[in-house]
Amino acid sequence: MKETYLLKTRRHFLFLAIIPSVIFMGVVILTLAWMQELHLTNAVQADLNSVYNMFYGEMYEEAKLINVLAAQVGDKKEIQDAFLSRDRERLLEVVRPIFLKIRADYAIDNLYFHSLDKTNFLRAYAPNHYGDIINRFTLKEAEQTGSISYGLELGKLEGLILRVVVP
């Protein structure tokens, strides 16, 4: 009988020692899993922020380049005169060689001229397609602010396009 009592006491002691150990190990494992998830979430967020900053930084630099090119086109008196006199054929004659050079040198595929009423006056890359109303956010923003506007927009065929509008 004394052996049974000792055996029961040992079992009871082992039970009392193992249960807290198992609970402690469970808490440690859950804490480690939570810390790992937190670390991974922070690492992924940092990577996303880095990609975001790099992408928008690059887009800003491209927009600055396009702005400089657009200013050079817009500053030419021949272009201004043809546009203001609404002479589409003369405007195309003057702009076409400039556009082809810009396309070859900078891979810029589109060059537009819009009227104040947002009607497309000339597409240098598709001169027979004009007269439609343009309702893009970059054009609206340039109209409202009176300054350059740029952003990513969906093109009809080309997917995402960086558009730069210079009033």
Foldseek 3Di string as FASTA:
>chain_A
DVVVVVVVVVVVVVVVVVVVVVVVVVVVVVVVVVVVVVVVVVVVVVVVVVVVCVVVVVLVVVLVVVVVLVVVLVVDPQLVVCVVVLPLVSNLVVCLVSVVVCCVPPVDQWDWDADLQQWTSAINNCGVDTGDHDDDPQVVVCNVVVAKGWDWDQDPPDGTDIDIDGD
